[in-house]
Amino acid sequence: MSIGLGIFLFVVGAILTFALNLESEYVNIDLVGYILMGAGLVTVIIGIALLARRRQSVSTTRSAVDPASGERVTQRSTDSDPLV
């Protein structure tokens, strides 16, 4: 969701900066557009960083010998680690 919001902010900022030729006494429309484009870029970067962090995982393999039957037992598990 944050990547989509960042793209939306960037597009709205680009439209305000480059496509509109409005003049206002109180608000500089070009500056607002540049601010929105910067906020959109920062939002996309943060979204990508959080997405990359979420995809890290921990893989654990354990081997042991079952005392009852004497067979070797291997257990494998892959979990995402939210603390990394």
PDB file of N, CA and C in Angstrom:
ATOM      1  N   MET A   1       0.812  -1.183   0.000  1.00  0.00           N
ATOM      2  CA  MET A   1       0.000   0.000   0.000  1.00  0.00           C
ATOM      3  C   MET A   1       0.864   1.258   0.000  1.00  0.00           C
ATOM      4  N   SER A   2       1.981   1.233   0.692  1.00  0.00           N
ATOM      5  CA  SER A   2       2.811   2.436   0.759  1.00  0.00           C
ATOM      6  C   SER A   2       3.478   2.732  -0.586  1.00  0.00           C
ATOM      7  N   ILE A   3       3.772   1.706  -1.364  1.00  0.00           N
ATOM      8  CA  ILE A   3       4.370   1.939  -2.682  1.00  0.00           C
ATOM      9  C   ILE A   3       3.349   2.612  -3.599  1.00  0.00           C
ATOM     10  N   GLY A   4       2.114   2.144  -3.552  1.00  0.00           N
ATOM     11  CA  GLY A   4       1.063   2.756  -4.362  1.00  0.00           C
ATOM     12  C   GLY A   4       0.789   4.195  -3.950  1.00  0.00           C
ATOM     13  N   LEU A   5       0.788   4.460  -2.660  1.00  0.00           N
ATOM     14  CA  LEU A   5       0.591   5.825  -2.170  1.00  0.00           C
ATOM     15  C   LEU A   5       1.738   6.725  -2.619  1.00  0.00           C
ATOM     16  N   GLY A   6       2.948   6.212  -2.581  1.00  0.00           N
ATOM     17  CA  GLY A   6       4.093   6.996  -3.023  1.00  0.00           C
ATOM     18  C   GLY A   6       4.025   7.339  -4.500  1.00  0.00           C
ATOM     19  N   ILE A   7       3.609   6.380  -5.314  1.00  0.00           N
ATOM     20  CA  ILE A   7       3.458   6.637  -6.757  1.00  0.00           C
ATOM     21  C   ILE A   7       2.360   7.672  -6.986  1.00  0.00           C
ATOM     22  N   PHE A   8       1.253   7.544  -6.249  1.00  0.00           N
ATOM     23  CA  PHE A   8       0.162   8.506  -6.383  1.00  0.00           C
ATOM     24  C   PHE A   8       0.624   9.917  -6.027  1.00  0.00           C
ATOM     25  N   LEU A   9       1.334  10.062  -4.916  1.00  0.00           N
ATOM     26  CA  LEU A   9       1.830  11.379  -4.515  1.00  0.00           C
ATOM     27  C   LEU A   9       2.785  11.954  -5.552  1.00  0.00           C
ATOM     28  N   PHE A  10       3.642  11.100  -6.089  1.00  0.00           N
ATOM     29  CA  PHE A  10       4.595  11.554  -7.094  1.00  0.00           C
ATOM     30  C   PHE A  10       3.880  12.039  -8.350  1.00  0.00           C
ATOM     31  N   VAL A  11       2.867  11.292  -8.796  1.00  0.00           N
ATOM     32  CA  VAL A  11       2.128  11.669 -10.005  1.00  0.00           C
ATOM     33  C   VAL A  11       1.358  12.968  -9.796  1.00  0.00           C
ATOM     34  N   VAL A  12       0.697  13.106  -8.656  1.00  0.00           N
ATOM     35  CA  VAL A  12      -0.038  14.345  -8.382  1.00  0.00           C
ATOM     36  C   VAL A  12       0.926  15.530  -8.315  1.00  0.00           C
ATOM     37  N   GLY A  13       2.072  15.331  -7.700  1.00  0.00           N
ATOM     38  CA  GLY A  13       3.068  16.400  -7.641  1.00  0.00           C
ATOM     39  C   GLY A  13       3.591  16.778  -9.014  1.00  0.00           C
ATOM     40  N   ALA A  14       3.813  15.786  -9.871  1.00  0.00           N
ATOM     41  CA  ALA A  14       4.287  16.068 -11.223  1.00  0.00           C
ATOM     42  C   ALA A  14       3.223  16.819 -12.025  1.00  0.00           C
ATOM     43  N   ILE A  15       1.960  16.462 -11.833  1.00  0.00           N
ATOM     44  CA  ILE A  15       0.890  17.168 -12.528  1.00  0.00           C
ATOM     45  C   ILE A  15       0.825  18.621 -12.062  1.00  0.00           C
ATOM     46  N   LEU A  16       0.913  18.833 -10.764  1.00  0.00           N
ATOM     47  CA  LEU A  16       0.876  20.204 -10.248  1.00  0.00           C
ATOM     48  C   LEU A  16       2.071  21.023 -10.741  1.00  0.00           C
ATOM     49  N   THR A  17       3.219  20.395 -10.849  1.00  0.00           N
ATOM     50  CA  THR A  17       4.429  21.134 -11.222  1.00  0.00           C
ATOM     51  C   THR A  17       4.511  21.388 -12.723  1.00  0.00           C
ATOM     52  N   PHE A  18       4.295  20.361 -13.517  1.00  0.00           N
ATOM     53  CA  PHE A  18       4.599  20.463 -14.940  1.00  0.00           C
ATOM     54  C   PHE A  18       3.381  20.673 -15.835  1.00  0.00           C
ATOM     55  N   ALA A  19       2.194  20.264 -15.414  1.00  0.00           N
ATOM     56  CA  ALA A  19       1.049  20.310 -16.312  1.00  0.00           C
ATOM     57  C   ALA A  19       0.138  21.513 -16.089  1.00  0.00           C
ATOM     58  N   LEU A  20       0.117  22.055 -14.900  1.00  0.00           N
ATOM     59  CA  LEU A  20      -0.784  23.164 -14.615  1.00  0.00           C
ATOM     60  C   LEU A  20      -0.045  24.491 -14.650  1.00  0.00           C
ATOM     61  N   ASN A  21      -0.686  25.485 -15.233  1.00  0.00           N
ATOM     62  CA  ASN A  21      -0.124  26.833 -15.259  1.00  0.00           C
ATOM     63  C   ASN A  21      -1.030  27.760 -14.469  1.00  0.00           C
ATOM     64  N   LEU A  22      -1.220  27.451 -13.211  1.00  0.00           N
ATOM     65  CA  LEU A  22      -2.048  28.269 -12.343  1.00  0.00           C
ATOM     66  C   LEU A  22      -1.172  29.189 -11.515  1.00  0.00           C
ATOM     67  N   GLU A  23      -1.696  30.375 -11.241  1.00  0.00           N
ATOM     68  CA  GLU A  23      -0.984  31.298 -10.373  1.00  0.00           C
ATOM     69  C   GLU A  23      -1.878  31.659  -9.207  1.00  0.00           C
ATOM     70  N   SER A  24      -1.280  31.691  -8.035  1.00  0.00           N
ATOM     71  CA  SER A  24      -2.011  32.037  -6.835  1.00  0.00           C
ATOM     72  C   SER A  24      -1.161  33.007  -6.015  1.00  0.00           C
ATOM     73  N   GLU A  25      -1.832  33.942  -5.345  1.00  0.00           N
ATOM     74  CA  GLU A  25      -1.091  34.896  -4.519  1.00  0.00           C
ATOM     75  C   GLU A  25      -0.506  34.234  -3.281  1.00  0.00           C
ATOM     76  N   TYR A  26      -1.207  33.266  -2.734  1.00  0.00           N
ATOM     77  CA  TYR A  26      -0.857  32.730  -1.424  1.00  0.00           C
ATOM     78  C   TYR A  26      -0.054  31.428  -1.482  1.00  0.00           C
ATOM     79  N   VAL A  27      -0.263  30.648  -2.544  1.00  0.00           N
ATOM     80  CA  VAL A  27       0.361  29.323  -2.613  1.00  0.00           C
ATOM     81  C   VAL A  27       1.134  29.195  -3.919  1.00  0.00           C
ATOM     82  N   ASN A  28       2.372  28.763  -3.820  1.00  0.00           N
ATOM     83  CA  ASN A  28       3.172  28.482  -5.008  1.00  0.00           C
ATOM     84  C   ASN A  28       2.891  27.030  -5.420  1.00  0.00           C
ATOM     85  N   ILE A  29       2.146  26.852  -6.509  1.00  0.00           N
ATOM     86  CA  ILE A  29       1.707  25.527  -6.949  1.00  0.00           C
ATOM     87  C   ILE A  29       2.906  24.657  -7.339  1.00  0.00           C
ATOM     88  N   ASP A  30       3.929  25.254  -7.950  1.00  0.00           N
ATOM     89  CA  ASP A  30       5.120  24.479  -8.323  1.00  0.00           C
ATOM     90  C   ASP A  30       5.817  23.920  -7.083  1.00  0.00           C
ATOM     91  N   LEU A  31       5.924  24.719  -6.043  1.00  0.00           N
ATOM     92  CA  LEU A  31       6.572  24.257  -4.815  1.00  0.00           C
ATOM     93  C   LEU A  31       5.779  23.127  -4.166  1.00  0.00           C
ATOM     94  N   VAL A  32       4.459  23.250  -4.151  1.00  0.00           N
ATOM     95  CA  VAL A  32       3.620  22.173  -3.609  1.00  0.00           C
ATOM     96  C   VAL A  32       3.829  20.892  -4.418  1.00  0.00           C
ATOM     97  N   GLY A  33       3.929  21.021  -5.736  1.00  0.00           N
ATOM     98  CA  GLY A  33       4.181  19.857  -6.582  1.00  0.00           C
ATOM     99  C   GLY A  33       5.514  19.199  -6.280  1.00  0.00           C
ATOM    100  N   TYR A  34       6.553  20.009  -6.110  1.00  0.00           N
ATOM    101  CA  TYR A  34       7.868  19.450  -5.781  1.00  0.00           C
ATOM    102  C   TYR A  34       7.855  18.769  -4.403  1.00  0.00           C
ATOM    103  N   ILE A  35       7.145  19.357  -3.460  1.00  0.00           N
ATOM    104  CA  ILE A  35       7.052  18.745  -2.131  1.00  0.00           C
ATOM    105  C   ILE A  35       6.334  17.403  -2.206  1.00  0.00           C
ATOM    106  N   LEU A  36       5.244  17.348  -2.988  1.00  0.00           N
ATOM    107  CA  LEU A  36       4.522  16.078  -3.136  1.00  0.00           C
ATOM    108  C   LEU A  36       5.370  15.024  -3.852  1.00  0.00           C
ATOM    109  N   MET A  37       6.141  15.436  -4.855  1.00  0.00           N
ATOM    110  CA  MET A  37       7.019  14.471  -5.531  1.00  0.00           C
ATOM    111  C   MET A  37       8.088  13.949  -4.577  1.00  0.00           C
ATOM    112  N   GLY A  38       8.649  14.819  -3.752  1.00  0.00           N
ATOM    113  CA  GLY A  38       9.637  14.369  -2.768  1.00  0.00           C
ATOM    114  C   GLY A  38       9.033  13.435  -1.737  1.00  0.00           C
ATOM    115  N   ALA A  39       7.829  13.765  -1.268  1.00  0.00           N
ATOM    116  CA  ALA A  39       7.164  12.890  -0.307  1.00  0.00           C
ATOM    117  C   ALA A  39       6.827  11.542  -0.935  1.00  0.00           C
ATOM    118  N   GLY A  40       6.430  11.549  -2.193  1.00  0.00           N
ATOM    119  CA  GLY A  40       6.148  10.293  -2.885  1.00  0.00           C
ATOM    120  C   GLY A  40       7.393   9.437  -3.036  1.00  0.00           C
ATOM    121  N   LEU A  41       8.512  10.059  -3.358  1.00  0.00           N
ATOM    122  CA  LEU A  41       9.766   9.314  -3.499  1.00  0.00           C
ATOM    123  C   LEU A  41      10.199   8.704  -2.170  1.00  0.00           C
ATOM    124  N   VAL A  42      10.095   9.483  -1.099  1.00  0.00           N
ATOM    125  CA  VAL A  42      10.452   8.965   0.231  1.00  0.00           C
ATOM    126  C   VAL A  42       9.522   7.821   0.631  1.00  0.00           C
ATOM    127  N   THR A  43       8.236   7.947   0.327  1.00  0.00           N
ATOM    128  CA  THR A  43       7.275   6.898   0.659  1.00  0.00           C
ATOM    129  C   THR A  43       7.569   5.609  -0.101  1.00  0.00           C
ATOM    130  N   VAL A  44       7.924   5.712  -1.367  1.00  0.00           N
ATOM    131  CA  VAL A  44       8.272   4.515  -2.149  1.00  0.00           C
ATOM    132  C   VAL A  44       9.520   3.848  -1.585  1.00  0.00           C
ATOM    133  N   ILE A  45      10.528   4.631  -1.224  1.00  0.00           N
ATOM    134  CA  ILE A  45      11.760   4.061  -0.672  1.00  0.00           C
ATOM    135  C   ILE A  45      11.487   3.359   0.649  1.00  0.00           C
ATOM    136  N   ILE A  46      10.696   3.965   1.507  1.00  0.00           N
ATOM    137  CA  ILE A  46      10.351   3.328   2.782  1.00  0.00           C
ATOM    138  C   ILE A  46       9.532   2.064   2.548  1.00  0.00           C
ATOM    139  N   GLY A  47       8.618   2.098   1.599  1.00  0.00           N
ATOM    140  CA  GLY A  47       7.817   0.915   1.279  1.00  0.00           C
ATOM    141  C   GLY A  47       8.661  -0.238   0.782  1.00  0.00           C
ATOM    142  N   ILE A  48       9.629   0.045  -0.067  1.00  0.00           N
ATOM    143  CA  ILE A  48      10.518  -1.004  -0.581  1.00  0.00           C
ATOM    144  C   ILE A  48      11.384  -1.561   0.547  1.00  0.00           C
ATOM    145  N   ALA A  49      11.866  -0.697   1.424  1.00  0.00           N
ATOM    146  CA  ALA A  49      12.685  -1.159   2.550  1.00  0.00           C
ATOM    147  C   ALA A  49      11.874  -2.070   3.476  1.00  0.00           C
ATOM    148  N   LEU A  50      10.639  -1.697   3.759  1.00  0.00           N
ATOM    149  CA  LEU A  50       9.800  -2.538   4.619  1.00  0.00           C
ATOM    150  C   LEU A  50       9.438  -3.849   3.949  1.00  0.00           C
ATOM    151  N   LEU A  51       9.235  -3.821   2.633  1.00  0.00           N
ATOM    152  CA  LEU A  51       8.929  -5.047   1.893  1.00  0.00           C
ATOM    153  C   LEU A  51      10.121  -5.994   1.894  1.00  0.00           C
ATOM    154  N   ALA A  52      11.316  -5.470   1.720  1.00  0.00           N
ATOM    155  CA  ALA A  52      12.515  -6.305   1.743  1.00  0.00           C
ATOM    156  C   ALA A  52      12.754  -6.871   3.133  1.00  0.00           C
ATOM    157  N   ARG A  53      12.464  -6.090   4.152  1.00  0.00           N
ATOM    158  CA  ARG A  53      12.654  -6.563   5.528  1.00  0.00           C
ATOM    159  C   ARG A  53      11.675  -7.682   5.857  1.00  0.00           C
ATOM    160  N   ARG A  54      10.464  -7.597   5.346  1.00  0.00           N
ATOM    161  CA  ARG A  54       9.432  -8.583   5.639  1.00  0.00           C
ATOM    162  C   ARG A  54       9.733  -9.936   4.988  1.00  0.00           C
ATOM    163  N   ARG A  55      10.483  -9.938   3.903  1.00  0.00           N
ATOM    164  CA  ARG A  55      10.726 -11.175   3.170  1.00  0.00           C
ATOM    165  C   ARG A  55      11.913 -11.982   3.670  1.00  0.00           C
ATOM    166  N   GLN A  56      12.620 -11.513   4.654  1.00  0.00           N
ATOM    167  CA  GLN A  56      13.729 -12.287   5.198  1.00  0.00           C
ATOM    168  C   GLN A  56      13.169 -13.470   5.972  1.00  0.00           C
ATOM    169  N   SER A  57      13.867 -14.590   5.915  1.00  0.00           N
ATOM    170  CA  SER A  57      13.384 -15.780   6.611  1.00  0.00           C
ATOM    171  C   SER A  57      14.545 -16.505   7.265  1.00  0.00           C
ATOM    172  N   VAL A  58      14.201 -17.367   8.199  1.00  0.00           N
ATOM    173  CA  VAL A  58      15.178 -18.171   8.920  1.00  0.00           C
ATOM    174  C   VAL A  58      14.880 -19.623   8.620  1.00  0.00           C
ATOM    175  N   SER A  59      15.890 -20.374   8.242  1.00  0.00           N
ATOM    176  CA  SER A  59      15.734 -21.792   7.940  1.00  0.00           C
ATOM    177  C   SER A  59      16.495 -22.598   8.990  1.00  0.00           C
ATOM    178  N   THR A  60      15.819 -23.569   9.585  1.00  0.00           N
ATOM    179  CA  THR A  60      16.415 -24.376  10.644  1.00  0.00           C
ATOM    180  C   THR A  60      16.325 -25.845  10.272  1.00  0.00           C
ATOM    181  N   THR A  61      17.436 -26.573  10.417  1.00  0.00           N
ATOM    182  CA  THR A  61      17.454 -28.015  10.179  1.00  0.00           C
ATOM    183  C   THR A  61      17.996 -28.687  11.430  1.00  0.00           C
ATOM    184  N   ARG A  62      17.260 -29.685  11.930  1.00  0.00           N
ATOM    185  CA  ARG A  62      17.681 -30.426  13.117  1.00  0.00           C
ATOM    186  C   ARG A  62      17.697 -31.909  12.790  1.00  0.00           C
ATOM    187  N   SER A  63      18.747 -32.559  13.227  1.00  0.00           N
ATOM    188  CA  SER A  63      18.864 -34.005  13.045  1.00  0.00           C
ATOM    189  C   SER A  63      19.027 -34.667  14.410  1.00  0.00           C
ATOM    190  N   ALA A  64      18.360 -35.799  14.588  1.00  0.00           N
ATOM    191  CA  ALA A  64      18.446 -36.525  15.846  1.00  0.00           C
ATOM    192  C   ALA A  64      18.183 -38.004  15.572  1.00  0.00           C
ATOM    193  N   VAL A  65      18.517 -38.817  16.544  1.00  0.00           N
ATOM    194  CA  VAL A  65      18.260 -40.250  16.453  1.00  0.00           C
ATOM    195  C   VAL A  65      17.107 -40.575  17.388  1.00  0.00           C
ATOM    196  N   ASP A  66      16.085 -41.237  16.837  1.00  0.00           N
ATOM    197  CA  ASP A  66      14.926 -41.638  17.634  1.00  0.00           C
ATOM    198  C   ASP A  66      15.338 -42.769  18.565  1.00  0.00           C
ATOM    199  N   PRO A  67      15.224 -42.578  19.910  1.00  0.00           N
ATOM    200  CA  PRO A  67      15.692 -43.612  20.836  1.00  0.00           C
ATOM    201  C   PRO A  67      14.846 -44.884  20.779  1.00  0.00           C
ATOM    202  N   ALA A  68      13.592 -44.795  20.411  1.00  0.00           N
ATOM    203  CA  ALA A  68      12.727 -45.979  20.407  1.00  0.00           C
ATOM    204  C   ALA A  68      13.055 -46.908  19.237  1.00  0.00           C
ATOM    205  N   SER A  69      13.244 -46.354  18.070  1.00  0.00           N
ATOM    206  CA  SER A  69      13.459 -47.206  16.895  1.00  0.00           C
ATOM    207  C   SER A  69      14.894 -47.160  16.378  1.00  0.00           C
ATOM    208  N   GLY A  70      15.683 -46.203  16.822  1.00  0.00           N
ATOM    209  CA  GLY A  70      17.058 -46.100  16.359  1.00  0.00           C
ATOM    210  C   GLY A  70      17.184 -45.449  14.999  1.00  0.00           C
ATOM    211  N   GLU A  71      16.095 -44.894  14.474  1.00  0.00           N
ATOM    212  CA  GLU A  71      16.134 -44.246  13.165  1.00  0.00           C
ATOM    213  C   GLU A  71      16.569 -42.785  13.302  1.00  0.00           C
ATOM    214  N   ARG A  72      17.179 -42.321  12.245  1.00  0.00           N
ATOM    215  CA  ARG A  72      17.592 -40.916  12.216  1.00  0.00           C
ATOM    216  C   ARG A  72      16.398 -40.073  11.761  1.00  0.00           C
ATOM    217  N   VAL A  73      16.098 -39.007  12.500  1.00  0.00           N
ATOM    218  CA  VAL A  73      14.958 -38.134  12.213  1.00  0.00           C
ATOM    219  C   VAL A  73      15.495 -36.753  11.871  1.00  0.00           C
ATOM    220  N   THR A  74      15.033 -36.222  10.746  1.00  0.00           N
ATOM    221  CA  THR A  74      15.431 -34.881  10.322  1.00  0.00           C
ATOM    222  C   THR A  74      14.191 -34.002  10.258  1.00  0.00           C
ATOM    223  N   GLN A  75      14.263 -32.841  10.885  1.00  0.00           N
ATOM    224  CA  GLN A  75      13.152 -31.905  10.893  1.00  0.00           C
ATOM    225  C   GLN A  75      13.627 -30.602  10.260  1.00  0.00           C
ATOM    226  N   ARG A  76      12.871 -30.110   9.280  1.00  0.00           N
ATOM    227  CA  ARG A  76      13.205 -28.854   8.609  1.00  0.00           C
ATOM    228  C   ARG A  76      12.041 -27.898   8.747  1.00  0.00           C
ATOM    229  N   SER A  77      12.346 -26.641   9.019  1.00  0.00           N
ATOM    230  CA  SER A  77      11.300 -25.628   9.097  1.00  0.00           C
ATOM    231  C   SER A  77      11.840 -24.306   8.575  1.00  0.00           C
ATOM    232  N   THR A  78      10.974 -23.564   7.896  1.00  0.00           N
ATOM    233  CA  THR A  78      11.320 -22.247   7.395  1.00  0.00           C
ATOM    234  C   THR A  78      10.262 -21.278   7.904  1.00  0.00           C
ATOM    235  N   ASP A  79      10.705 -20.295   8.640  1.00  0.00           N
ATOM    236  CA  ASP A  79       9.800 -19.293   9.210  1.00  0.00           C
ATOM    237  C   ASP A  79      10.324 -17.910   8.879  1.00  0.00           C
ATOM    238  N   SER A  80       9.397 -16.988   8.690  1.00  0.00           N
ATOM    239  CA  SER A  80       9.842 -15.610   8.527  1.00  0.00           C
ATOM    240  C   SER A  80      10.114 -15.048   9.910  1.00  0.00           C
ATOM    241  N   ASP A  81      11.165 -14.280  10.002  1.00  0.00           N
ATOM    242  CA  ASP A  81      11.592 -13.749  11.291  1.00  0.00           C
ATOM    243  C   ASP A  81      11.211 -12.271  11.357  1.00  0.00           C
ATOM    244  N   PRO A  82      10.192 -11.913  12.134  1.00  0.00           N
ATOM    245  CA  PRO A  82       9.768 -10.512  12.170  1.00  0.00           C
ATOM    246  C   PRO A  82      10.740  -9.606  12.913  1.00  0.00           C
ATOM    247  N   LEU A  83      11.680 -10.157  13.643  1.00  0.00           N
ATOM    248  CA  LEU A  83      12.611  -9.349  14.432  1.00  0.00           C
ATOM    249  C   LEU A  83      13.854  -8.957  13.672  1.00  0.00           C
ATOM    250  N   VAL A  84      14.077  -9.537  12.488  1.00  0.00           N
ATOM    251  CA  VAL A  84      15.295  -9.242  11.733  1.00  0.00           C
ATOM    252  C   VAL A  84      15.097  -8.020  10.896  1.00  0.00           C
TER     253      VAL A  84
END
